[in-house]
Amino acid sequence: WRGATVTGLAISLFFPLAGITLLTVMALDHLLLSRVPVL
């Protein structure tokens, strides 16, 4: 997971809007999608 994380961070730093989108998706996944049964 460390290698995958570094790759994701590199893409996020190089392409800011991609990084913001990835962080938003991960936050939604952790805070909302994984906790609401229907979603």
PDB file of all heavy atoms in Angstrom:
ATOM      1  N   TRP A   1       0.816  -1.205   0.000  1.00  0.00           N
ATOM      2  CA  TRP A   1       0.000   0.000   0.000  1.00  0.00           C
ATOM      3  C   TRP A   1       0.854   1.261   0.000  1.00  0.00           C
ATOM      4  O   TRP A   1       0.429   2.310  -0.487  1.00  0.00           O
ATOM      5  CB  TRP A   1      -0.940   0.008   1.214  1.00  0.00           C
ATOM      6  CG  TRP A   1      -0.228   0.015   2.537  1.00  0.00           C
ATOM      7  CD1 TRP A   1       0.161  -1.062   3.267  1.00  0.00           C
ATOM      8  CD2 TRP A   1       0.197   1.166   3.268  1.00  0.00           C
ATOM      9  NE1 TRP A   1       0.801  -0.679   4.415  1.00  0.00           N
ATOM     10  CE2 TRP A   1       0.834   0.698   4.433  1.00  0.00           C
ATOM     11  CE3 TRP A   1       0.096   2.538   3.058  1.00  0.00           C
ATOM     12  CZ2 TRP A   1       1.383   1.561   5.382  1.00  0.00           C
ATOM     13  CZ3 TRP A   1       0.637   3.399   3.994  1.00  0.00           C
ATOM     14  CH2 TRP A   1       1.268   2.906   5.153  1.00  0.00           C
ATOM     15  N   ARG A   2       2.082   1.142   0.525  1.00  0.00           N
ATOM     16  CA  ARG A   2       2.951   2.329   0.542  1.00  0.00           C
ATOM     17  C   ARG A   2       3.299   2.772  -0.882  1.00  0.00           C
ATOM     18  O   ARG A   2       3.282   3.958  -1.199  1.00  0.00           O
ATOM     19  CB  ARG A   2       4.223   2.031   1.333  1.00  0.00           C
ATOM     20  CG  ARG A   2       3.986   1.851   2.832  1.00  0.00           C
ATOM     21  CD  ARG A   2       5.298   1.587   3.556  1.00  0.00           C
ATOM     22  NE  ARG A   2       5.089   1.438   4.995  1.00  0.00           N
ATOM     23  CZ  ARG A   2       4.747   0.288   5.571  1.00  0.00           C
ATOM     24  NH1 ARG A   2       4.570  -0.798   4.828  1.00  0.00           N
ATOM     25  NH2 ARG A   2       4.575   0.238   6.876  1.00  0.00           N
ATOM     26  N   GLY A   3       3.627   1.803  -1.734  1.00  0.00           N
ATOM     27  CA  GLY A   3       3.948   2.126  -3.125  1.00  0.00           C
ATOM     28  C   GLY A   3       2.761   2.733  -3.851  1.00  0.00           C
ATOM     29  O   GLY A   3       2.898   3.706  -4.595  1.00  0.00           O
ATOM     30  N   ALA A   4       1.583   2.169  -3.607  1.00  0.00           N
ATOM     31  CA  ALA A   4       0.375   2.700  -4.240  1.00  0.00           C
ATOM     32  C   ALA A   4       0.075   4.109  -3.738  1.00  0.00           C
ATOM     33  O   ALA A   4      -0.338   4.986  -4.501  1.00  0.00           O
ATOM     34  CB  ALA A   4      -0.807   1.774  -3.959  1.00  0.00           C
ATOM     35  N   THR A   5       0.318   4.322  -2.422  1.00  0.00           N
ATOM     36  CA  THR A   5       0.081   5.646  -1.839  1.00  0.00           C
ATOM     37  C   THR A   5       1.027   6.681  -2.427  1.00  0.00           C
ATOM     38  O   THR A   5       0.624   7.797  -2.772  1.00  0.00           O
ATOM     39  CB  THR A   5       0.249   5.593  -0.312  1.00  0.00           C
ATOM     40  OG1 THR A   5      -0.672   4.640   0.238  1.00  0.00           O
ATOM     41  CG2 THR A   5       0.000   6.955   0.301  1.00  0.00           C
ATOM     42  N   VAL A   6       2.307   6.322  -2.557  1.00  0.00           N
ATOM     43  CA  VAL A   6       3.295   7.247  -3.133  1.00  0.00           C
ATOM     44  C   VAL A   6       2.924   7.596  -4.570  1.00  0.00           C
ATOM     45  O   VAL A   6       3.003   8.751  -4.993  1.00  0.00           O
ATOM     46  CB  VAL A   6       4.707   6.624  -3.069  1.00  0.00           C
ATOM     47  CG1 VAL A   6       5.696   7.462  -3.893  1.00  0.00           C
ATOM     48  CG2 VAL A   6       5.178   6.535  -1.625  1.00  0.00           C
ATOM     49  N   THR A   7       2.498   6.574  -5.332  1.00  0.00           N
ATOM     50  CA  THR A   7       2.083   6.821  -6.723  1.00  0.00           C
ATOM     51  C   THR A   7       0.895   7.771  -6.773  1.00  0.00           C
ATOM     52  O   THR A   7       0.868   8.714  -7.577  1.00  0.00           O
ATOM     53  CB  THR A   7       1.708   5.496  -7.418  1.00  0.00           C
ATOM     54  OG1 THR A   7       2.825   4.604  -7.364  1.00  0.00           O
ATOM     55  CG2 THR A   7       1.315   5.730  -8.864  1.00  0.00           C
ATOM     56  N   GLY A   8      -0.083   7.530  -5.893  1.00  0.00           N
ATOM     57  CA  GLY A   8      -1.261   8.396  -5.843  1.00  0.00           C
ATOM     58  C   GLY A   8      -0.906   9.822  -5.454  1.00  0.00           C
ATOM     59  O   GLY A   8      -1.428  10.784  -6.029  1.00  0.00           O
ATOM     60  N   LEU A   9       0.004   9.959  -4.483  1.00  0.00           N
ATOM     61  CA  LEU A   9       0.430  11.298  -4.057  1.00  0.00           C
ATOM     62  C   LEU A   9       1.171  12.029  -5.172  1.00  0.00           C
ATOM     63  O   LEU A   9       1.006  13.235  -5.361  1.00  0.00           O
ATOM     64  CB  LEU A   9       1.312  11.193  -2.812  1.00  0.00           C
ATOM     65  CG  LEU A   9       0.598  10.868  -1.498  1.00  0.00           C
ATOM     66  CD1 LEU A   9       1.615  10.657  -0.383  1.00  0.00           C
ATOM     67  CD2 LEU A   9      -0.366  11.992  -1.119  1.00  0.00           C
ATOM     68  N   ALA A  10       2.005  11.288  -5.895  1.00  0.00           N
ATOM     69  CA  ALA A  10       2.752  11.898  -6.999  1.00  0.00           C
ATOM     70  C   ALA A  10       1.808  12.445  -8.062  1.00  0.00           C
ATOM     71  O   ALA A  10       1.970  13.573  -8.544  1.00  0.00           O
ATOM     72  CB  ALA A  10       3.709  10.875  -7.619  1.00  0.00           C
ATOM     73  N   ILE A  11       0.804  11.646  -8.431  1.00  0.00           N
ATOM     74  CA  ILE A  11      -0.187  12.101  -9.411  1.00  0.00           C
ATOM     75  C   ILE A  11      -0.961  13.289  -8.861  1.00  0.00           C
ATOM     76  O   ILE A  11      -1.227  14.268  -9.573  1.00  0.00           O
ATOM     77  CB  ILE A  11      -1.145  10.948  -9.781  1.00  0.00           C
ATOM     78  CG1 ILE A  11      -0.387   9.850 -10.543  1.00  0.00           C
ATOM     79  CG2 ILE A  11      -2.311  11.458 -10.630  1.00  0.00           C
ATOM     80  CD1 ILE A  11      -1.229   8.624 -10.841  1.00  0.00           C
ATOM     81  N   SER A  12      -1.292  13.249  -7.572  1.00  0.00           N
ATOM     82  CA  SER A  12      -2.070  14.318  -6.958  1.00  0.00           C
ATOM     83  C   SER A  12      -1.300  15.627  -6.922  1.00  0.00           C
ATOM     84  O   SER A  12      -1.863  16.709  -7.140  1.00  0.00           O
ATOM     85  CB  SER A  12      -2.483  13.923  -5.534  1.00  0.00           C
ATOM     86  OG  SER A  12      -3.271  12.749  -5.550  1.00  0.00           O
ATOM     87  N   LEU A  13       0.007  15.561  -6.618  1.00  0.00           N
ATOM     88  CA  LEU A  13       0.830  16.767  -6.570  1.00  0.00           C
ATOM     89  C   LEU A  13       1.048  17.331  -7.965  1.00  0.00           C
ATOM     90  O   LEU A  13       1.075  18.549  -8.160  1.00  0.00           O
ATOM     91  CB  LEU A  13       2.167  16.463  -5.894  1.00  0.00           C
ATOM     92  CG  LEU A  13       2.118  16.184  -4.391  1.00  0.00           C
ATOM     93  CD1 LEU A  13       3.475  15.728  -3.886  1.00  0.00           C
ATOM     94  CD2 LEU A  13       1.671  17.434  -3.630  1.00  0.00           C
ATOM     95  N   PHE A  14       1.216  16.451  -8.947  1.00  0.00           N
ATOM     96  CA  PHE A  14       1.497  16.905 -10.305  1.00  0.00           C
ATOM     97  C   PHE A  14       0.237  17.446 -10.971  1.00  0.00           C
ATOM     98  O   PHE A  14       0.287  18.411 -11.736  1.00  0.00           O
ATOM     99  CB  PHE A  14       2.074  15.747 -11.126  1.00  0.00           C
ATOM    100  CG  PHE A  14       2.804  16.192 -12.355  1.00  0.00           C
ATOM    101  CD1 PHE A  14       3.914  17.027 -12.250  1.00  0.00           C
ATOM    102  CD2 PHE A  14       2.386  15.797 -13.606  1.00  0.00           C
ATOM    103  CE1 PHE A  14       4.594  17.445 -13.381  1.00  0.00           C
ATOM    104  CE2 PHE A  14       3.055  16.214 -14.744  1.00  0.00           C
ATOM    105  CZ  PHE A  14       4.176  17.042 -14.635  1.00  0.00           C
ATOM    106  N   PHE A  15      -0.921  16.828 -10.672  1.00  0.00           N
ATOM    107  CA  PHE A  15      -2.200  17.273 -11.224  1.00  0.00           C
ATOM    108  C   PHE A  15      -3.131  17.610 -10.057  1.00  0.00           C
ATOM    109  O   PHE A  15      -3.846  16.734  -9.548  1.00  0.00           O
ATOM    110  CB  PHE A  15      -2.821  16.182 -12.101  1.00  0.00           C
ATOM    111  CG  PHE A  15      -1.949  15.766 -13.257  1.00  0.00           C
ATOM    112  CD1 PHE A  15      -1.274  14.562 -13.233  1.00  0.00           C
ATOM    113  CD2 PHE A  15      -1.801  16.583 -14.361  1.00  0.00           C
ATOM    114  CE1 PHE A  15      -0.472  14.174 -14.293  1.00  0.00           C
ATOM    115  CE2 PHE A  15      -0.996  16.216 -15.424  1.00  0.00           C
ATOM    116  CZ  PHE A  15      -0.325  15.007 -15.386  1.00  0.00           C
ATOM    117  N   PRO A  16      -3.159  18.862  -9.606  1.00  0.00           N
ATOM    118  CA  PRO A  16      -3.895  19.235  -8.389  1.00  0.00           C
ATOM    119  C   PRO A  16      -5.366  18.850  -8.387  1.00  0.00           C
ATOM    120  O   PRO A  16      -5.879  18.384  -7.368  1.00  0.00           O
ATOM    121  CB  PRO A  16      -3.733  20.767  -8.357  1.00  0.00           C
ATOM    122  CG  PRO A  16      -2.494  21.039  -9.141  1.00  0.00           C
ATOM    123  CD  PRO A  16      -2.453  20.004 -10.210  1.00  0.00           C
ATOM    124  N   LEU A  17      -6.064  19.050  -9.494  1.00  0.00           N
ATOM    125  CA  LEU A  17      -7.496  18.729  -9.497  1.00  0.00           C
ATOM    126  C   LEU A  17      -7.739  17.234  -9.373  1.00  0.00           C
ATOM    127  O   LEU A  17      -8.746  16.808  -8.806  1.00  0.00           O
ATOM    128  CB  LEU A  17      -8.155  19.272 -10.760  1.00  0.00           C
ATOM    129  CG  LEU A  17      -8.263  20.800 -10.844  1.00  0.00           C
ATOM    130  CD1 LEU A  17      -9.139  21.215 -12.009  1.00  0.00           C
ATOM    131  CD2 LEU A  17      -8.815  21.383  -9.552  1.00  0.00           C
ATOM    132  N   ALA A  18      -6.809  16.425  -9.911  1.00  0.00           N
ATOM    133  CA  ALA A  18      -6.918  14.978  -9.715  1.00  0.00           C
ATOM    134  C   ALA A  18      -6.742  14.643  -8.244  1.00  0.00           C
ATOM    135  O   ALA A  18      -7.470  13.807  -7.694  1.00  0.00           O
ATOM    136  CB  ALA A  18      -5.873  14.243 -10.551  1.00  0.00           C
ATOM    137  N   GLY A  19      -5.780  15.290  -7.581  1.00  0.00           N
ATOM    138  CA  GLY A  19      -5.546  15.046  -6.157  1.00  0.00           C
ATOM    139  C   GLY A  19      -6.740  15.424  -5.310  1.00  0.00           C
ATOM    140  O   GLY A  19      -7.154  14.669  -4.420  1.00  0.00           O
ATOM    141  N   ILE A  20      -7.324  16.602  -5.608  1.00  0.00           N
ATOM    142  CA  ILE A  20      -8.505  17.041  -4.853  1.00  0.00           C
ATOM    143  C   ILE A  20      -9.654  16.064  -5.047  1.00  0.00           C
ATOM    144  O   ILE A  20     -10.362  15.707  -4.098  1.00  0.00           O
ATOM    145  CB  ILE A  20      -8.915  18.461  -5.309  1.00  0.00           C
ATOM    146  CG1 ILE A  20      -7.834  19.471  -4.906  1.00  0.00           C
ATOM    147  CG2 ILE A  20     -10.263  18.844  -4.716  1.00  0.00           C
ATOM    148  CD1 ILE A  20      -8.053  20.856  -5.479  1.00  0.00           C
ATOM    149  N   THR A  21      -9.823  15.594  -6.283  1.00  0.00           N
ATOM    150  CA  THR A  21     -10.903  14.647  -6.577  1.00  0.00           C
ATOM    151  C   THR A  21     -10.691  13.326  -5.860  1.00  0.00           C
ATOM    152  O   THR A  21     -11.630  12.763  -5.267  1.00  0.00           O
ATOM    153  CB  THR A  21     -11.004  14.404  -8.094  1.00  0.00           C
ATOM    154  OG1 THR A  21     -11.183  15.658  -8.759  1.00  0.00           O
ATOM    155  CG2 THR A  21     -12.177  13.493  -8.421  1.00  0.00           C
ATOM    156  N   LEU A  22      -9.454  12.803  -5.902  1.00  0.00           N
ATOM    157  CA  LEU A  22      -9.154  11.532  -5.233  1.00  0.00           C
ATOM    158  C   LEU A  22      -9.371  11.632  -3.729  1.00  0.00           C
ATOM    159  O   LEU A  22      -9.944  10.730  -3.110  1.00  0.00           O
ATOM    160  CB  LEU A  22      -7.718  11.105  -5.539  1.00  0.00           C
ATOM    161  CG  LEU A  22      -7.424  10.681  -6.979  1.00  0.00           C
ATOM    162  CD1 LEU A  22      -5.933  10.435  -7.163  1.00  0.00           C
ATOM    163  CD2 LEU A  22      -8.218   9.441  -7.364  1.00  0.00           C
ATOM    164  N   LEU A  23      -8.922  12.731  -3.125  1.00  0.00           N
ATOM    165  CA  LEU A  23      -9.110  12.916  -1.683  1.00  0.00           C
ATOM    166  C   LEU A  23     -10.594  13.022  -1.342  1.00  0.00           C
ATOM    167  O   LEU A  23     -11.043  12.495  -0.319  1.00  0.00           O
ATOM    168  CB  LEU A  23      -8.364  14.176  -1.226  1.00  0.00           C
ATOM    169  CG  LEU A  23      -6.839  14.083  -1.210  1.00  0.00           C
ATOM    170  CD1 LEU A  23      -6.227  15.445  -0.880  1.00  0.00           C
ATOM    171  CD2 LEU A  23      -6.376  13.044  -0.187  1.00  0.00           C
ATOM    172  N   THR A  24     -11.348  13.725  -2.200  1.00  0.00           N
ATOM    173  CA  THR A  24     -12.792  13.857  -1.966  1.00  0.00           C
ATOM    174  C   THR A  24     -13.484  12.503  -2.028  1.00  0.00           C
ATOM    175  O   THR A  24     -14.328  12.178  -1.181  1.00  0.00           O
ATOM    176  CB  THR A  24     -13.405  14.810  -3.010  1.00  0.00           C
ATOM    177  OG1 THR A  24     -12.766  16.083  -2.934  1.00  0.00           O
ATOM    178  CG2 THR A  24     -14.901  14.974  -2.768  1.00  0.00           C
ATOM    179  N   VAL A  25     -13.120  11.705  -3.031  1.00  0.00           N
ATOM    180  CA  VAL A  25     -13.726  10.382  -3.178  1.00  0.00           C
ATOM    181  C   VAL A  25     -13.385   9.497  -1.981  1.00  0.00           C
ATOM    182  O   VAL A  25     -14.262   8.800  -1.434  1.00  0.00           O
ATOM    183  CB  VAL A  25     -13.250   9.714  -4.489  1.00  0.00           C
ATOM    184  CG1 VAL A  25     -13.674   8.243  -4.525  1.00  0.00           C
ATOM    185  CG2 VAL A  25     -13.828  10.450  -5.684  1.00  0.00           C
ATOM    186  N   MET A  26     -12.101   9.527  -1.552  1.00  0.00           N
ATOM    187  CA  MET A  26     -11.697   8.706  -0.401  1.00  0.00           C
ATOM    188  C   MET A  26     -12.409   9.143   0.871  1.00  0.00           C
ATOM    189  O   MET A  26     -12.815   8.319   1.692  1.00  0.00           O
ATOM    190  CB  MET A  26     -10.182   8.756  -0.232  1.00  0.00           C
ATOM    191  CG  MET A  26      -9.433   7.966  -1.289  1.00  0.00           C
ATOM    192  SD  MET A  26      -7.658   7.790  -0.961  1.00  0.00           S
ATOM    193  CE  MET A  26      -7.093   9.457  -1.256  1.00  0.00           C
ATOM    194  N   ALA A  27     -12.582  10.464   1.029  1.00  0.00           N
ATOM    195  CA  ALA A  27     -13.286  10.966   2.211  1.00  0.00           C
ATOM    196  C   ALA A  27     -14.743  10.535   2.199  1.00  0.00           C
ATOM    197  O   ALA A  27     -15.293  10.098   3.223  1.00  0.00           O
ATOM    198  CB  ALA A  27     -13.176  12.489   2.259  1.00  0.00           C
ATOM    199  N   LEU A  28     -15.387  10.657   1.044  1.00  0.00           N
ATOM    200  CA  LEU A  28     -16.782  10.224   0.927  1.00  0.00           C
ATOM    201  C   LEU A  28     -16.910   8.728   1.186  1.00  0.00           C
ATOM    202  O   LEU A  28     -17.848   8.268   1.837  1.00  0.00           O
ATOM    203  CB  LEU A  28     -17.325  10.576  -0.460  1.00  0.00           C
ATOM    204  CG  LEU A  28     -17.616  12.049  -0.727  1.00  0.00           C
ATOM    205  CD1 LEU A  28     -17.995  12.267  -2.188  1.00  0.00           C
ATOM    206  CD2 LEU A  28     -18.731  12.557   0.183  1.00  0.00           C
ATOM    207  N   ASP A  29     -15.947   7.970   0.659  1.00  0.00           N
ATOM    208  CA  ASP A  29     -15.974   6.521   0.835  1.00  0.00           C
ATOM    209  C   ASP A  29     -15.868   6.152   2.310  1.00  0.00           C
ATOM    210  O   ASP A  29     -16.576   5.275   2.813  1.00  0.00           O
ATOM    211  CB  ASP A  29     -14.831   5.894   0.047  1.00  0.00           C
ATOM    212  CG  ASP A  29     -14.897   4.367   0.056  1.00  0.00           C
ATOM    213  OD1 ASP A  29     -16.020   3.833   0.096  1.00  0.00           O
ATOM    214  OD2 ASP A  29     -13.838   3.730   0.025  1.00  0.00           O
ATOM    215  N   HIS A  30     -14.975   6.874   3.033  1.00  0.00           N
ATOM    216  CA  HIS A  30     -14.743   6.551   4.448  1.00  0.00           C
ATOM    217  C   HIS A  30     -15.860   7.070   5.348  1.00  0.00           C
ATOM    218  O   HIS A  30     -16.299   6.381   6.279  1.00  0.00           O
ATOM    219  CB  HIS A  30     -13.408   7.150   4.895  1.00  0.00           C
ATOM    220  CG  HIS A  30     -13.111   6.930   6.340  1.00  0.00           C
ATOM    221  ND1 HIS A  30     -12.793   5.680   6.854  1.00  0.00           N
ATOM    222  CD2 HIS A  30     -13.097   7.797   7.395  1.00  0.00           C
ATOM    223  CE1 HIS A  30     -12.586   5.782   8.160  1.00  0.00           C
ATOM    224  NE2 HIS A  30     -12.764   7.057   8.509  1.00  0.00           N
ATOM    225  N   LEU A  31     -16.346   8.292   5.056  1.00  0.00           N
ATOM    226  CA  LEU A  31     -17.294   8.931   5.952  1.00  0.00           C
ATOM    227  C   LEU A  31     -18.747   8.634   5.628  1.00  0.00           C
ATOM    228  O   LEU A  31     -19.609   8.700   6.505  1.00  0.00           O
ATOM    229  CB  LEU A  31     -17.081  10.455   5.920  1.00  0.00           C
ATOM    230  CG  LEU A  31     -15.707  10.949   6.374  1.00  0.00           C
ATOM    231  CD1 LEU A  31     -15.603  12.449   6.157  1.00  0.00           C
ATOM    232  CD2 LEU A  31     -15.476  10.611   7.848  1.00  0.00           C
ATOM    233  N   LEU A  32     -19.027   8.298   4.366  1.00  0.00           N
ATOM    234  CA  LEU A  32     -20.420   8.176   3.975  1.00  0.00           C
ATOM    235  C   LEU A  32     -20.753   6.827   3.341  1.00  0.00           C
ATOM    236  O   LEU A  32     -21.601   6.080   3.850  1.00  0.00           O
ATOM    237  CB  LEU A  32     -20.769   9.312   2.988  1.00  0.00           C
ATOM    238  CG  LEU A  32     -22.251   9.493   2.643  1.00  0.00           C
ATOM    239  CD1 LEU A  32     -23.045   9.846   3.905  1.00  0.00           C
ATOM    240  CD2 LEU A  32     -22.412  10.600   1.600  1.00  0.00           C
ATOM    241  N   LEU A  33     -20.065   6.512   2.238  1.00  0.00           N
ATOM    242  CA  LEU A  33     -20.446   5.325   1.478  1.00  0.00           C
ATOM    243  C   LEU A  33     -20.301   4.039   2.278  1.00  0.00           C
ATOM    244  O   LEU A  33     -21.119   3.125   2.159  1.00  0.00           O
ATOM    245  CB  LEU A  33     -19.613   5.231   0.192  1.00  0.00           C
ATOM    246  CG  LEU A  33     -19.725   6.421  -0.766  1.00  0.00           C
ATOM    247  CD1 LEU A  33     -18.908   6.167  -2.019  1.00  0.00           C
ATOM    248  CD2 LEU A  33     -21.185   6.673  -1.132  1.00  0.00           C
ATOM    249  N   SER A  34     -19.236   3.950   3.088  1.00  0.00           N
ATOM    250  CA  SER A  34     -18.999   2.718   3.847  1.00  0.00           C
ATOM    251  C   SER A  34     -19.882   2.606   5.087  1.00  0.00           C
ATOM    252  O   SER A  34     -19.936   1.553   5.716  1.00  0.00           O
ATOM    253  CB  SER A  34     -17.526   2.648   4.261  1.00  0.00           C
ATOM    254  OG  SER A  34     -17.201   3.744   5.098  1.00  0.00           O
ATOM    255  N   ARG A  35     -20.597   3.699   5.439  1.00  0.00           N
ATOM    256  CA  ARG A  35     -21.367   3.695   6.683  1.00  0.00           C
ATOM    257  C   ARG A  35     -22.875   3.715   6.458  1.00  0.00           C
ATOM    258  O   ARG A  35     -23.639   3.486   7.392  1.00  0.00           O
ATOM    259  CB  ARG A  35     -20.970   4.905   7.534  1.00  0.00           C
ATOM    260  CG  ARG A  35     -19.483   4.922   7.838  1.00  0.00           C
ATOM    261  CD  ARG A  35     -19.110   6.005   8.809  1.00  0.00           C
ATOM    262  NE  ARG A  35     -17.660   6.026   9.060  1.00  0.00           N
ATOM    263  CZ  ARG A  35     -17.094   6.627  10.094  1.00  0.00           C
ATOM    264  NH1 ARG A  35     -17.848   7.260  10.975  1.00  0.00           N
ATOM    265  NH2 ARG A  35     -15.793   6.604  10.242  1.00  0.00           N
ATOM    266  N   VAL A  36     -23.298   4.032   5.244  1.00  0.00           N
ATOM    267  CA  VAL A  36     -24.725   4.044   4.938  1.00  0.00           C
ATOM    268  C   VAL A  36     -25.045   2.786   4.125  1.00  0.00           C
ATOM    269  O   VAL A  36     -24.565   2.663   2.985  1.00  0.00           O
ATOM    270  CB  VAL A  36     -25.103   5.310   4.145  1.00  0.00           C
ATOM    271  CG1 VAL A  36     -26.587   5.295   3.814  1.00  0.00           C
ATOM    272  CG2 VAL A  36     -24.720   6.563   4.929  1.00  0.00           C
ATOM    273  N   PRO A  37     -25.816   1.858   4.666  1.00  0.00           N
ATOM    274  CA  PRO A  37     -26.060   0.574   4.006  1.00  0.00           C
ATOM    275  C   PRO A  37     -26.557   0.693   2.569  1.00  0.00           C
ATOM    276  O   PRO A  37     -26.108  -0.025   1.673  1.00  0.00           O
ATOM    277  CB  PRO A  37     -27.104  -0.096   4.901  1.00  0.00           C
ATOM    278  CG  PRO A  37     -26.866   0.516   6.255  1.00  0.00           C
ATOM    279  CD  PRO A  37     -26.451   1.921   5.996  1.00  0.00           C
ATOM    280  N   VAL A  38     -27.480   1.625   2.339  1.00  0.00           N
ATOM    281  CA  VAL A  38     -28.055   1.774   0.987  1.00  0.00           C
ATOM    282  C   VAL A  38     -26.959   2.196   0.000  1.00  0.00           C
ATOM    283  O   VAL A  38     -26.854   1.647  -1.103  1.00  0.00           O
ATOM    284  CB  VAL A  38     -29.209   2.793   0.990  1.00  0.00           C
ATOM    285  CG1 VAL A  38     -29.692   3.040  -0.440  1.00  0.00           C
ATOM    286  CG2 VAL A  38     -30.347   2.306   1.863  1.00  0.00           C
ATOM    287  N   LEU A  39     -26.137   3.161   0.402  1.00  0.00           N
ATOM    288  CA  LEU A  39     -25.066   3.634  -0.467  1.00  0.00           C
ATOM    289  C   LEU A  39     -23.976   2.575  -0.619  1.00  0.00           C
ATOM    290  O   LEU A  39     -23.407   2.402  -1.712  1.00  0.00           O
ATOM    291  CB  LEU A  39     -24.455   4.930   0.084  1.00  0.00           C
ATOM    292  CG  LEU A  39     -25.387   6.155   0.059  1.00  0.00           C
ATOM    293  CD1 LEU A  39     -24.695   7.344   0.729  1.00  0.00           C
ATOM    294  CD2 LEU A  39     -25.773   6.511  -1.362  1.00  0.00           C
TER     295      LEU A  39
END
